Amino acid sequence: MIHARQALLPEGWRRDVRVPPDAGRIARVEVGVTPCPGDMRADCLVPRMPNVHSHAFQRGFSGLTETRGAGRESFWTWREMTYQLCADRLTRRYAGAGRNGLYRDAGGRVYPRG
């Protein structure tokens, strides 16, 4: 069992939270309870960040960075070529996004050009 002085729950921050794990998962959360003997103590609990990264962008340049250049190549030269290709494509594709009003503040107003 884990007892925390405070924890970030879906409804916000709560004090004196006890989390009894069930086979590695959180089965329930007890709020406003005192720690029990044997509980692991924590000052603060927050949810784990999910791994949401994607390699989908690689489909866009598949085959374009697998060619051998004139000089000596390594992982680092491949990496630089890949970064440059991504930067070039993103710049062309999204260069006008700010001018087209895609970026707005919470009130819906287009951010001014800087």
PDB file of N, CA and C in Angstrom:
ATOM      1  N   MET A   1       0.834  -1.178   0.000  1.00  0.00           N
ATOM      2  CA  MET A   1       0.000   0.000   0.000  1.00  0.00           C
ATOM      3  C   MET A   1       0.884   1.248   0.000  1.00  0.00           C
ATOM      4  N   ILE A   2       0.382   2.287  -0.633  1.00  0.00           N
ATOM      5  CA  ILE A   2       1.073   3.568  -0.673  1.00  0.00           C
ATOM      6  C   ILE A   2       0.170   4.612  -0.043  1.00  0.00           C
ATOM      7  N   HIS A   3       0.722   5.391   0.854  1.00  0.00           N
ATOM      8  CA  HIS A   3      -0.020   6.509   1.433  1.00  0.00           C
ATOM      9  C   HIS A   3       0.732   7.785   1.096  1.00  0.00           C
ATOM     10  N   ALA A   4       0.020   8.763   0.549  1.00  0.00           N
ATOM     11  CA  ALA A   4       0.636  10.034   0.181  1.00  0.00           C
ATOM     12  C   ALA A   4      -0.035  11.175   0.928  1.00  0.00           C
ATOM     13  N   ARG A   5       0.784  12.148   1.312  1.00  0.00           N
ATOM     14  CA  ARG A   5       0.221  13.336   1.960  1.00  0.00           C
ATOM     15  C   ARG A   5      -0.693  14.080   0.998  1.00  0.00           C
ATOM     16  N   GLN A   6      -0.337  14.055  -0.295  1.00  0.00           N
ATOM     17  CA  GLN A   6      -1.196  14.666  -1.315  1.00  0.00           C
ATOM     18  C   GLN A   6      -1.026  13.904  -2.624  1.00  0.00           C
ATOM     19  N   ALA A   7      -2.071  13.934  -3.448  1.00  0.00           N
ATOM     20  CA  ALA A   7      -2.033  13.231  -4.728  1.00  0.00           C
ATOM     21  C   ALA A   7      -2.886  13.988  -5.736  1.00  0.00           C
ATOM     22  N   LEU A   8      -2.432  13.979  -6.971  1.00  0.00           N
ATOM     23  CA  LEU A   8      -3.198  14.594  -8.052  1.00  0.00           C
ATOM     24  C   LEU A   8      -4.121  13.531  -8.639  1.00  0.00           C
ATOM     25  N   LEU A   9      -5.408  13.703  -8.388  1.00  0.00           N
ATOM     26  CA  LEU A   9      -6.426  12.772  -8.873  1.00  0.00           C
ATOM     27  C   LEU A   9      -7.198  13.440 -10.013  1.00  0.00           C
ATOM     28  N   PRO A  10      -8.028  12.705 -10.743  1.00  0.00           N
ATOM     29  CA  PRO A  10      -8.792  13.320 -11.838  1.00  0.00           C
ATOM     30  C   PRO A  10      -9.609  14.539 -11.408  1.00  0.00           C
ATOM     31  N   GLU A  11     -10.074  14.559 -10.159  1.00  0.00           N
ATOM     32  CA  GLU A  11     -10.869  15.698  -9.684  1.00  0.00           C
ATOM     33  C   GLU A  11     -10.017  16.791  -9.057  1.00  0.00           C
ATOM     34  N   GLY A  12      -8.692  16.640  -9.059  1.00  0.00           N
ATOM     35  CA  GLY A  12      -7.790  17.657  -8.513  1.00  0.00           C
ATOM     36  C   GLY A  12      -6.934  17.109  -7.386  1.00  0.00           C
ATOM     37  N   TRP A  13      -6.233  18.009  -6.699  1.00  0.00           N
ATOM     38  CA  TRP A  13      -5.357  17.627  -5.590  1.00  0.00           C
ATOM     39  C   TRP A  13      -6.189  17.214  -4.374  1.00  0.00           C
ATOM     40  N   ARG A  14      -5.787  16.100  -3.759  1.00  0.00           N
ATOM     41  CA  ARG A  14      -6.442  15.606  -2.557  1.00  0.00           C
ATOM     42  C   ARG A  14      -5.364  15.268  -1.516  1.00  0.00           C
ATOM     43  N   ARG A  15      -5.746  15.393  -0.240  1.00  0.00           N
ATOM     44  CA  ARG A  15      -4.819  15.102   0.864  1.00  0.00           C
ATOM     45  C   ARG A  15      -5.097  13.713   1.451  1.00  0.00           C
ATOM     46  N   ASP A  16      -4.041  13.158   2.051  1.00  0.00           N
ATOM     47  CA  ASP A  16      -4.135  11.859   2.738  1.00  0.00           C
ATOM     48  C   ASP A  16      -4.786  10.806   1.848  1.00  0.00           C
ATOM     49  N   VAL A  17      -4.037  10.414   0.858  1.00  0.00           N
ATOM     50  CA  VAL A  17      -4.526   9.472  -0.153  1.00  0.00           C
ATOM     51  C   VAL A  17      -3.803   8.137   0.025  1.00  0.00           C
ATOM     52  N   ARG A  18      -4.574   7.088  -0.020  1.00  0.00           N
ATOM     53  CA  ARG A  18      -4.019   5.732   0.089  1.00  0.00           C
ATOM     54  C   ARG A  18      -4.369   4.973  -1.184  1.00  0.00           C
ATOM     55  N   VAL A  19      -3.366   4.331  -1.757  1.00  0.00           N
ATOM     56  CA  VAL A  19      -3.544   3.605  -3.014  1.00  0.00           C
ATOM     57  C   VAL A  19      -3.151   2.146  -2.794  1.00  0.00           C
ATOM     58  N   PRO A  20      -4.135   1.275  -2.715  1.00  0.00           N
ATOM     59  CA  PRO A  20      -3.819  -0.146  -2.612  1.00  0.00           C
ATOM     60  C   PRO A  20      -3.687  -0.756  -4.014  1.00  0.00           C
ATOM     61  N   PRO A  21      -2.489  -1.131  -4.416  1.00  0.00           N
ATOM     62  CA  PRO A  21      -2.326  -1.717  -5.753  1.00  0.00           C
ATOM     63  C   PRO A  21      -2.909  -3.124  -5.820  1.00  0.00           C
ATOM     64  N   ASP A  22      -3.348  -3.496  -6.996  1.00  0.00           N
ATOM     65  CA  ASP A  22      -3.917  -4.816  -7.227  1.00  0.00           C
ATOM     66  C   ASP A  22      -3.263  -5.378  -8.482  1.00  0.00           C
ATOM     67  N   ALA A  23      -2.326  -6.287  -8.299  1.00  0.00           N
ATOM     68  CA  ALA A  23      -1.600  -6.909  -9.413  1.00  0.00           C
ATOM     69  C   ALA A  23      -0.929  -5.850 -10.295  1.00  0.00           C
ATOM     70  N   GLY A  24      -0.321  -4.856  -9.639  1.00  0.00           N
ATOM     71  CA  GLY A  24       0.401  -3.833 -10.395  1.00  0.00           C
ATOM     72  C   GLY A  24      -0.456  -2.709 -10.926  1.00  0.00           C
ATOM     73  N   ARG A  25      -1.733  -2.740 -10.687  1.00  0.00           N
ATOM     74  CA  ARG A  25      -2.645  -1.689 -11.162  1.00  0.00           C
ATOM     75  C   ARG A  25      -3.341  -1.037  -9.976  1.00  0.00           C
ATOM     76  N   ILE A  26      -3.813   0.175 -10.211  1.00  0.00           N
ATOM     77  CA  ILE A  26      -4.558   0.872  -9.169  1.00  0.00           C
ATOM     78  C   ILE A  26      -6.006   0.415  -9.240  1.00  0.00           C
ATOM     79  N   ALA A  27      -6.434  -0.274  -8.205  1.00  0.00           N
ATOM     80  CA  ALA A  27      -7.803  -0.804  -8.168  1.00  0.00           C
ATOM     81  C   ALA A  27      -8.769   0.223  -7.603  1.00  0.00           C
ATOM     82  N   ARG A  28      -8.301   0.985  -6.618  1.00  0.00           N
ATOM     83  CA  ARG A  28      -9.142   2.005  -6.005  1.00  0.00           C
ATOM     84  C   ARG A  28      -8.237   3.027  -5.332  1.00  0.00           C
ATOM     85  N   VAL A  29      -8.819   4.145  -4.972  1.00  0.00           N
ATOM     86  CA  VAL A  29      -8.098   5.214  -4.291  1.00  0.00           C
ATOM     87  C   VAL A  29      -8.924   5.627  -3.082  1.00  0.00           C
ATOM     88  N   GLU A  30      -8.283   5.661  -1.944  1.00  0.00           N
ATOM     89  CA  GLU A  30      -8.956   6.065  -0.712  1.00  0.00           C
ATOM     90  C   GLU A  30      -8.479   7.476  -0.361  1.00  0.00           C
ATOM     91  N   VAL A  31      -9.406   8.391  -0.168  1.00  0.00           N
ATOM     92  CA  VAL A  31      -9.075   9.793   0.097  1.00  0.00           C
ATOM     93  C   VAL A  31      -9.448  10.156   1.528  1.00  0.00           C
ATOM     94  N   GLY A  32      -8.583  10.961   2.168  1.00  0.00           N
ATOM     95  CA  GLY A  32      -8.870  11.430   3.517  1.00  0.00           C
ATOM     96  C   GLY A  32      -8.672  10.372   4.578  1.00  0.00           C
ATOM     97  N   VAL A  33      -7.721   9.488   4.362  1.00  0.00           N
ATOM     98  CA  VAL A  33      -7.488   8.401   5.322  1.00  0.00           C
ATOM     99  C   VAL A  33      -6.095   8.533   5.939  1.00  0.00           C
ATOM    100  N   THR A  34      -5.942   7.966   7.118  1.00  0.00           N
ATOM    101  CA  THR A  34      -4.644   7.966   7.770  1.00  0.00           C
ATOM    102  C   THR A  34      -3.826   6.775   7.272  1.00  0.00           C
ATOM    103  N   PRO A  35      -2.507   6.909   7.312  1.00  0.00           N
ATOM    104  CA  PRO A  35      -1.683   5.778   6.867  1.00  0.00           C
ATOM    105  C   PRO A  35      -1.815   4.581   7.824  1.00  0.00           C
ATOM    106  N   CYS A  36      -1.676   3.414   7.266  1.00  0.00           N
ATOM    107  CA  CYS A  36      -1.714   2.184   8.055  1.00  0.00           C
ATOM    108  C   CYS A  36      -0.285   1.701   8.295  1.00  0.00           C
ATOM    109  N   PRO A  37      -0.066   0.935   9.344  1.00  0.00           N
ATOM    110  CA  PRO A  37       1.269   0.371   9.557  1.00  0.00           C
ATOM    111  C   PRO A  37       1.691  -0.447   8.338  1.00  0.00           C
ATOM    112  N   GLY A  38       2.918  -0.242   7.897  1.00  0.00           N
ATOM    113  CA  GLY A  38       3.431  -0.972   6.744  1.00  0.00           C
ATOM    114  C   GLY A  38       3.234  -0.259   5.421  1.00  0.00           C
ATOM    115  N   ASP A  39       2.451   0.815   5.399  1.00  0.00           N
ATOM    116  CA  ASP A  39       2.276   1.573   4.153  1.00  0.00           C
ATOM    117  C   ASP A  39       3.584   2.242   3.750  1.00  0.00           C
ATOM    118  N   MET A  40       3.872   2.227   2.483  1.00  0.00           N
ATOM    119  CA  MET A  40       4.980   3.012   1.965  1.00  0.00           C
ATOM    120  C   MET A  40       4.499   4.458   1.939  1.00  0.00           C
ATOM    121  N   ARG A  41       5.332   5.389   2.412  1.00  0.00           N
ATOM    122  CA  ARG A  41       4.918   6.786   2.516  1.00  0.00           C
ATOM    123  C   ARG A  41       5.513   7.617   1.387  1.00  0.00           C
ATOM    124  N   ALA A  42       4.706   8.546   0.889  1.00  0.00           N
ATOM    125  CA  ALA A  42       5.164   9.477  -0.147  1.00  0.00           C
ATOM    126  C   ALA A  42       4.601  10.854   0.181  1.00  0.00           C
ATOM    127  N   ASP A  43       5.361  11.876  -0.162  1.00  0.00           N
ATOM    128  CA  ASP A  43       4.854  13.236   0.026  1.00  0.00           C
ATOM    129  C   ASP A  43       3.826  13.582  -1.038  1.00  0.00           C
ATOM    130  N   CYS A  44       4.077  13.109  -2.259  1.00  0.00           N
ATOM    131  CA  CYS A  44       3.228  13.520  -3.383  1.00  0.00           C
ATOM    132  C   CYS A  44       3.156  12.405  -4.420  1.00  0.00           C
ATOM    133  N   LEU A  45       1.970  12.165  -4.945  1.00  0.00           N
ATOM    134  CA  LEU A  45       1.776  11.206  -6.036  1.00  0.00           C
ATOM    135  C   LEU A  45       1.147  11.936  -7.218  1.00  0.00           C
ATOM    136  N   VAL A  46       1.672  11.672  -8.405  1.00  0.00           N
ATOM    137  CA  VAL A  46       1.092  12.208  -9.634  1.00  0.00           C
ATOM    138  C   VAL A  46       0.970  11.061 -10.626  1.00  0.00           C
ATOM    139  N   PRO A  47       0.035  11.147 -11.577  1.00  0.00           N
ATOM    140  CA  PRO A  47      -0.105  10.075 -12.570  1.00  0.00           C
ATOM    141  C   PRO A  47       1.150   9.966 -13.435  1.00  0.00           C
ATOM    142  N   ARG A  48       1.420   8.801 -13.893  1.00  0.00           N
ATOM    143  CA  ARG A  48       2.546   8.574 -14.788  1.00  0.00           C
ATOM    144  C   ARG A  48       2.237   9.176 -16.143  1.00  0.00           C
ATOM    145  N   MET A  49       3.232   9.759 -16.764  1.00  0.00           N
ATOM    146  CA  MET A  49       3.054  10.314 -18.106  1.00  0.00           C
ATOM    147  C   MET A  49       3.046   9.174 -19.125  1.00  0.00           C
ATOM    148  N   PRO A  50       2.084   9.157 -20.015  1.00  0.00           N
ATOM    149  CA  PRO A  50       2.049   8.096 -21.027  1.00  0.00           C
ATOM    150  C   PRO A  50       3.122   8.311 -22.091  1.00  0.00           C
ATOM    151  N   ASN A  51       3.555   7.249 -22.705  1.00  0.00           N
ATOM    152  CA  ASN A  51       4.511   7.321 -23.802  1.00  0.00           C
ATOM    153  C   ASN A  51       3.696   7.487 -25.081  1.00  0.00           C
ATOM    154  N   VAL A  52       3.622   8.704 -25.596  1.00  0.00           N
ATOM    155  CA  VAL A  52       2.788   8.986 -26.759  1.00  0.00           C
ATOM    156  C   VAL A  52       3.605   9.402 -27.985  1.00  0.00           C
ATOM    157  N   HIS A  53       4.916   9.129 -27.932  1.00  0.00           N
ATOM    158  CA  HIS A  53       5.709   9.540 -29.089  1.00  0.00           C
ATOM    159  C   HIS A  53       5.391   8.644 -30.288  1.00  0.00           C
ATOM    160  N   SER A  54       5.698   9.132 -31.453  1.00  0.00           N
ATOM    161  CA  SER A  54       5.345   8.421 -32.676  1.00  0.00           C
ATOM    162  C   SER A  54       6.495   8.463 -33.672  1.00  0.00           C
ATOM    163  N   HIS A  55       6.591   7.428 -34.462  1.00  0.00           N
ATOM    164  CA  HIS A  55       7.563   7.390 -35.547  1.00  0.00           C
ATOM    165  C   HIS A  55       6.858   7.522 -36.898  1.00  0.00           C
ATOM    166  N   ALA A  56       5.609   7.961 -36.875  1.00  0.00           N
ATOM    167  CA  ALA A  56       4.838   8.059 -38.112  1.00  0.00           C
ATOM    168  C   ALA A  56       5.494   8.989 -39.122  1.00  0.00           C
ATOM    169  N   PHE A  57       6.191  10.033 -38.649  1.00  0.00           N
ATOM    170  CA  PHE A  57       6.827  10.975 -39.573  1.00  0.00           C
ATOM    171  C   PHE A  57       7.855  10.283 -40.457  1.00  0.00           C
ATOM    172  N   GLN A  58       8.405   9.149 -39.995  1.00  0.00           N
ATOM    173  CA  GLN A  58       9.428   8.467 -40.772  1.00  0.00           C
ATOM    174  C   GLN A  58       8.885   7.937 -42.097  1.00  0.00           C
ATOM    175  N   ARG A  59       7.600   7.668 -42.159  1.00  0.00           N
ATOM    176  CA  ARG A  59       7.019   7.214 -43.434  1.00  0.00           C
ATOM    177  C   ARG A  59       7.161   8.289 -44.510  1.00  0.00           C
ATOM    178  N   GLY A  60       7.127   9.531 -44.069  1.00  0.00           N
ATOM    179  CA  GLY A  60       7.217  10.642 -45.019  1.00  0.00           C
ATOM    180  C   GLY A  60       8.557  10.767 -45.700  1.00  0.00           C
ATOM    181  N   PHE A  61       9.618  10.269 -45.071  1.00  0.00           N
ATOM    182  CA  PHE A  61      10.920  10.381 -45.729  1.00  0.00           C
ATOM    183  C   PHE A  61      11.580   9.012 -45.918  1.00  0.00           C
ATOM    184  N   SER A  62      10.755   7.969 -45.914  1.00  0.00           N
ATOM    185  CA  SER A  62      11.268   6.626 -46.134  1.00  0.00           C
ATOM    186  C   SER A  62      12.037   6.549 -47.450  1.00  0.00           C
ATOM    187  N   GLY A  63      13.247   6.060 -47.370  1.00  0.00           N
ATOM    188  CA  GLY A  63      14.074   5.891 -48.555  1.00  0.00           C
ATOM    189  C   GLY A  63      14.889   7.110 -48.932  1.00  0.00           C
ATOM    190  N   LEU A  64      14.591   8.270 -48.364  1.00  0.00           N
ATOM    191  CA  LEU A  64      15.298   9.490 -48.763  1.00  0.00           C
ATOM    192  C   LEU A  64      16.614   9.699 -48.026  1.00  0.00           C
ATOM    193  N   THR A  65      16.823   9.017 -46.915  1.00  0.00           N
ATOM    194  CA  THR A  65      18.076   9.199 -46.185  1.00  0.00           C
ATOM    195  C   THR A  65      18.900   7.918 -46.137  1.00  0.00           C
ATOM    196  N   GLU A  66      18.523   6.945 -46.945  1.00  0.00           N
ATOM    197  CA  GLU A  66      19.276   5.695 -46.953  1.00  0.00           C
ATOM    198  C   GLU A  66      20.269   5.613 -48.106  1.00  0.00           C
ATOM    199  N   THR A  67      20.566   6.718 -48.721  1.00  0.00           N
ATOM    200  CA  THR A  67      21.540   6.699 -49.819  1.00  0.00           C
ATOM    201  C   THR A  67      22.923   7.045 -49.281  1.00  0.00           C
ATOM    202  N   ARG A  68      23.938   6.460 -49.861  1.00  0.00           N
ATOM    203  CA  ARG A  68      25.311   6.708 -49.426  1.00  0.00           C
ATOM    204  C   ARG A  68      25.833   7.952 -50.120  1.00  0.00           C
ATOM    205  N   GLY A  69      26.427   8.829 -49.315  1.00  0.00           N
ATOM    206  CA  GLY A  69      27.004  10.058 -49.848  1.00  0.00           C
ATOM    207  C   GLY A  69      28.433   9.853 -50.314  1.00  0.00           C
ATOM    208  N   ALA A  70      29.065  10.932 -50.729  1.00  0.00           N
ATOM    209  CA  ALA A  70      30.423  10.862 -51.265  1.00  0.00           C
ATOM    210  C   ALA A  70      31.468  10.633 -50.172  1.00  0.00           C
ATOM    211  N   GLY A  71      31.248  11.161 -48.979  1.00  0.00           N
ATOM    212  CA  GLY A  71      32.242  11.066 -47.909  1.00  0.00           C
ATOM    213  C   GLY A  71      31.981   9.914 -46.957  1.00  0.00           C
ATOM    214  N   ARG A  72      32.731   9.936 -45.865  1.00  0.00           N
ATOM    215  CA  ARG A  72      32.576   8.922 -44.818  1.00  0.00           C
ATOM    216  C   ARG A  72      31.260   9.178 -44.074  1.00  0.00           C
ATOM    217  N   GLU A  73      30.482   8.114 -43.833  1.00  0.00           N
ATOM    218  CA  GLU A  73      29.194   8.267 -43.191  1.00  0.00           C
ATOM    219  C   GLU A  73      29.142   7.507 -41.879  1.00  0.00           C
ATOM    220  N   SER A  74      28.247   7.946 -41.019  1.00  0.00           N
ATOM    221  CA  SER A  74      28.057   7.316 -39.715  1.00  0.00           C
ATOM    222  C   SER A  74      26.616   7.562 -39.289  1.00  0.00           C
ATOM    223  N   PHE A  75      26.295   7.079 -38.112  1.00  0.00           N
ATOM    224  CA  PHE A  75      24.983   7.368 -37.554  1.00  0.00           C
ATOM    225  C   PHE A  75      24.780   8.873 -37.477  1.00  0.00           C
ATOM    226  N   TRP A  76      25.821   9.610 -37.111  1.00  0.00           N
ATOM    227  CA  TRP A  76      25.711  11.051 -36.900  1.00  0.00           C
ATOM    228  C   TRP A  76      25.460  11.791 -38.210  1.00  0.00           C
ATOM    229  N   THR A  77      26.076  11.370 -39.311  1.00  0.00           N
ATOM    230  CA  THR A  77      25.795  12.038 -40.592  1.00  0.00           C
ATOM    231  C   THR A  77      24.373  11.708 -41.048  1.00  0.00           C
ATOM    232  N   TRP A  78      23.938  10.463 -40.816  1.00  0.00           N
ATOM    233  CA  TRP A  78      22.550  10.090 -41.141  1.00  0.00           C
ATOM    234  C   TRP A  78      21.587  10.933 -40.328  1.00  0.00           C
ATOM    235  N   ARG A  79      21.878  11.093 -39.040  1.00  0.00           N
ATOM    236  CA  ARG A  79      21.020  11.877 -38.146  1.00  0.00           C
ATOM    237  C   ARG A  79      20.903  13.317 -38.626  1.00  0.00           C
ATOM    238  N   GLU A  80      22.014  13.929 -38.986  1.00  0.00           N
ATOM    239  CA  GLU A  80      21.976  15.306 -39.468  1.00  0.00           C
ATOM    240  C   GLU A  80      21.170  15.420 -40.763  1.00  0.00           C
ATOM    241  N   MET A  81      21.347  14.448 -41.675  1.00  0.00           N
ATOM    242  CA  MET A  81      20.593  14.456 -42.933  1.00  0.00           C
ATOM    243  C   MET A  81      19.095  14.312 -42.654  1.00  0.00           C
ATOM    244  N   THR A  82      18.746  13.442 -41.715  1.00  0.00           N
ATOM    245  CA  THR A  82      17.347  13.229 -41.345  1.00  0.00           C
ATOM    246  C   THR A  82      16.758  14.497 -40.742  1.00  0.00           C
ATOM    247  N   TYR A  83      17.471  15.112 -39.800  1.00  0.00           N
ATOM    248  CA  TYR A  83      16.988  16.348 -39.179  1.00  0.00           C
ATOM    249  C   TYR A  83      16.802  17.450 -40.215  1.00  0.00           C
ATOM    250  N   GLN A  84      17.747  17.569 -41.144  1.00  0.00           N
ATOM    251  CA  GLN A  84      17.643  18.612 -42.161  1.00  0.00           C
ATOM    252  C   GLN A  84      16.443  18.360 -43.067  1.00  0.00           C
ATOM    253  N   LEU A  85      16.234  17.108 -43.447  1.00  0.00           N
ATOM    254  CA  LEU A  85      15.092  16.770 -44.297  1.00  0.00           C
ATOM    255  C   LEU A  85      13.779  17.098 -43.576  1.00  0.00           C
ATOM    256  N   CYS A  86      13.678  16.736 -42.295  1.00  0.00           N
ATOM    257  CA  CYS A  86      12.467  17.039 -41.525  1.00  0.00           C
ATOM    258  C   CYS A  86      12.269  18.547 -41.412  1.00  0.00           C
ATOM    259  N   ALA A  87      13.336  19.272 -41.129  1.00  0.00           N
ATOM    260  CA  ALA A  87      13.230  20.725 -40.990  1.00  0.00           C
ATOM    261  C   ALA A  87      12.772  21.360 -42.296  1.00  0.00           C
ATOM    262  N   ASP A  88      13.334  20.916 -43.410  1.00  0.00           N
ATOM    263  CA  ASP A  88      12.949  21.462 -44.718  1.00  0.00           C
ATOM    264  C   ASP A  88      11.478  21.206 -45.007  1.00  0.00           C
ATOM    265  N   ARG A  89      11.032  19.988 -44.774  1.00  0.00           N
ATOM    266  CA  ARG A  89       9.630  19.653 -45.058  1.00  0.00           C
ATOM    267  C   ARG A  89       8.679  20.383 -44.126  1.00  0.00           C
ATOM    268  N   LEU A  90       9.009  20.442 -42.847  1.00  0.00           N
ATOM    269  CA  LEU A  90       8.138  21.134 -41.908  1.00  0.00           C
ATOM    270  C   LEU A  90       8.082  22.623 -42.208  1.00  0.00           C
ATOM    271  N   THR A  91       9.216  23.197 -42.571  1.00  0.00           N
ATOM    272  CA  THR A  91       9.245  24.629 -42.877  1.00  0.00           C
ATOM    273  C   THR A  91       8.354  24.942 -44.069  1.00  0.00           C
ATOM    274  N   ARG A  92       8.466  24.157 -45.121  1.00  0.00           N
ATOM    275  CA  ARG A  92       7.632  24.387 -46.312  1.00  0.00           C
ATOM    276  C   ARG A  92       6.157  24.190 -46.000  1.00  0.00           C
ATOM    277  N   ARG A  93       5.857  23.133 -45.237  1.00  0.00           N
ATOM    278  CA  ARG A  93       4.457  22.788 -45.001  1.00  0.00           C
ATOM    279  C   ARG A  93       3.772  23.731 -44.021  1.00  0.00           C
ATOM    280  N   TYR A  94       4.497  24.161 -42.984  1.00  0.00           N
ATOM    281  CA  TYR A  94       3.867  24.910 -41.914  1.00  0.00           C
ATOM    282  C   TYR A  94       4.305  26.368 -41.835  1.00  0.00           C
ATOM    283  N   ALA A  95       5.049  26.839 -42.804  1.00  0.00           N
ATOM    284  CA  ALA A  95       5.555  28.209 -42.746  1.00  0.00           C
ATOM    285  C   ALA A  95       4.436  29.235 -42.624  1.00  0.00           C
ATOM    286  N   GLY A  96       3.309  29.013 -43.253  1.00  0.00           N
ATOM    287  CA  GLY A  96       2.224  29.980 -43.224  1.00  0.00           C
ATOM    288  C   GLY A  96       1.205  29.751 -42.129  1.00  0.00           C
ATOM    289  N   ALA A  97       1.430  28.779 -41.255  1.00  0.00           N
ATOM    290  CA  ALA A  97       0.420  28.446 -40.245  1.00  0.00           C
ATOM    291  C   ALA A  97       0.086  29.638 -39.351  1.00  0.00           C
ATOM    292  N   GLY A  98       1.092  30.351 -38.893  1.00  0.00           N
ATOM    293  CA  GLY A  98       0.845  31.506 -38.025  1.00  0.00           C
ATOM    294  C   GLY A  98       0.106  32.615 -38.751  1.00  0.00           C
ATOM    295  N   ARG A  99       0.441  32.827 -40.016  1.00  0.00           N
ATOM    296  CA  ARG A  99      -0.231  33.870 -40.799  1.00  0.00           C
ATOM    297  C   ARG A  99      -1.674  33.506 -41.101  1.00  0.00           C
ATOM    298  N   ASN A 100      -1.972  32.224 -41.135  1.00  0.00           N
ATOM    299  CA  ASN A 100      -3.326  31.785 -41.471  1.00  0.00           C
ATOM    300  C   ASN A 100      -4.245  31.709 -40.259  1.00  0.00           C
ATOM    301  N   GLY A 101      -3.759  32.123 -39.105  1.00  0.00           N
ATOM    302  CA  GLY A 101      -4.613  32.160 -37.920  1.00  0.00           C
ATOM    303  C   GLY A 101      -4.833  30.825 -37.252  1.00  0.00           C
ATOM    304  N   LEU A 102      -3.916  29.874 -37.437  1.00  0.00           N
ATOM    305  CA  LEU A 102      -4.094  28.585 -36.783  1.00  0.00           C
ATOM    306  C   LEU A 102      -3.753  28.629 -35.303  1.00  0.00           C
ATOM    307  N   TYR A 103      -2.923  29.589 -34.922  1.00  0.00           N
ATOM    308  CA  TYR A 103      -2.514  29.689 -33.527  1.00  0.00           C
ATOM    309  C   TYR A 103      -3.302  30.809 -32.866  1.00  0.00           C
ATOM    310  N   ARG A 104      -4.161  30.442 -31.930  1.00  0.00           N
ATOM    311  CA  ARG A 104      -5.036  31.410 -31.270  1.00  0.00           C
ATOM    312  C   ARG A 104      -4.903  31.263 -29.762  1.00  0.00           C
ATOM    313  N   ASP A 105      -5.166  32.359 -29.065  1.00  0.00           N
ATOM    314  CA  ASP A 105      -5.126  32.300 -27.609  1.00  0.00           C
ATOM    315  C   ASP A 105      -6.442  31.722 -27.093  1.00  0.00           C
ATOM    316  N   ALA A 106      -6.570  31.627 -25.766  1.00  0.00           N
ATOM    317  CA  ALA A 106      -7.761  31.003 -25.156  1.00  0.00           C
ATOM    318  C   ALA A 106      -9.042  31.730 -25.510  1.00  0.00           C
ATOM    319  N   GLY A 107      -8.947  33.045 -25.850  1.00  0.00           N
ATOM    320  CA  GLY A 107     -10.128  33.818 -26.217  1.00  0.00           C
ATOM    321  C   GLY A 107     -10.450  33.750 -27.693  1.00  0.00           C
ATOM    322  N   GLY A 108      -9.663  32.987 -28.478  1.00  0.00           N
ATOM    323  CA  GLY A 108      -9.925  32.849 -29.913  1.00  0.00           C
ATOM    324  C   GLY A 108      -9.239  33.877 -30.771  1.00  0.00           C
ATOM    325  N   ARG A 109      -8.438  34.772 -30.165  1.00  0.00           N
ATOM    326  CA  ARG A 109      -7.769  35.815 -30.933  1.00  0.00           C
ATOM    327  C   ARG A 109      -6.473  35.283 -31.531  1.00  0.00           C
ATOM    328  N   VAL A 110      -6.203  35.646 -32.776  1.00  0.00           N
ATOM    329  CA  VAL A 110      -4.973  35.229 -33.449  1.00  0.00           C
ATOM    330  C   VAL A 110      -3.802  35.932 -32.772  1.00  0.00           C
ATOM    331  N   TYR A 111      -2.743  35.173 -32.476  1.00  0.00           N
ATOM    332  CA  TYR A 111      -1.545  35.764 -31.867  1.00  0.00           C
ATOM    333  C   TYR A 111      -0.942  36.771 -32.854  1.00  0.00           C
ATOM    334  N   PRO A 112      -0.465  37.905 -32.368  1.00  0.00           N
ATOM    335  CA  PRO A 112       0.166  38.888 -33.263  1.00  0.00           C
ATOM    336  C   PRO A 112       1.498  38.356 -33.765  1.00  0.00           C
ATOM    337  N   ARG A 113       1.882  38.783 -34.954  1.00  0.00           N
ATOM    338  CA  ARG A 113       3.182  38.398 -35.503  1.00  0.00           C
ATOM    339  C   ARG A 113       4.282  39.061 -34.712  1.00  0.00           C
ATOM    340  N   GLY A 114       5.326  38.294 -34.450  1.00  0.00           N
ATOM    341  CA  GLY A 114       6.446  38.845 -33.675  1.00  0.00           C
ATOM    342  C   GLY A 114       7.624  39.193 -34.534  1.00  0.00           C
TER     343      GLY A 114
END
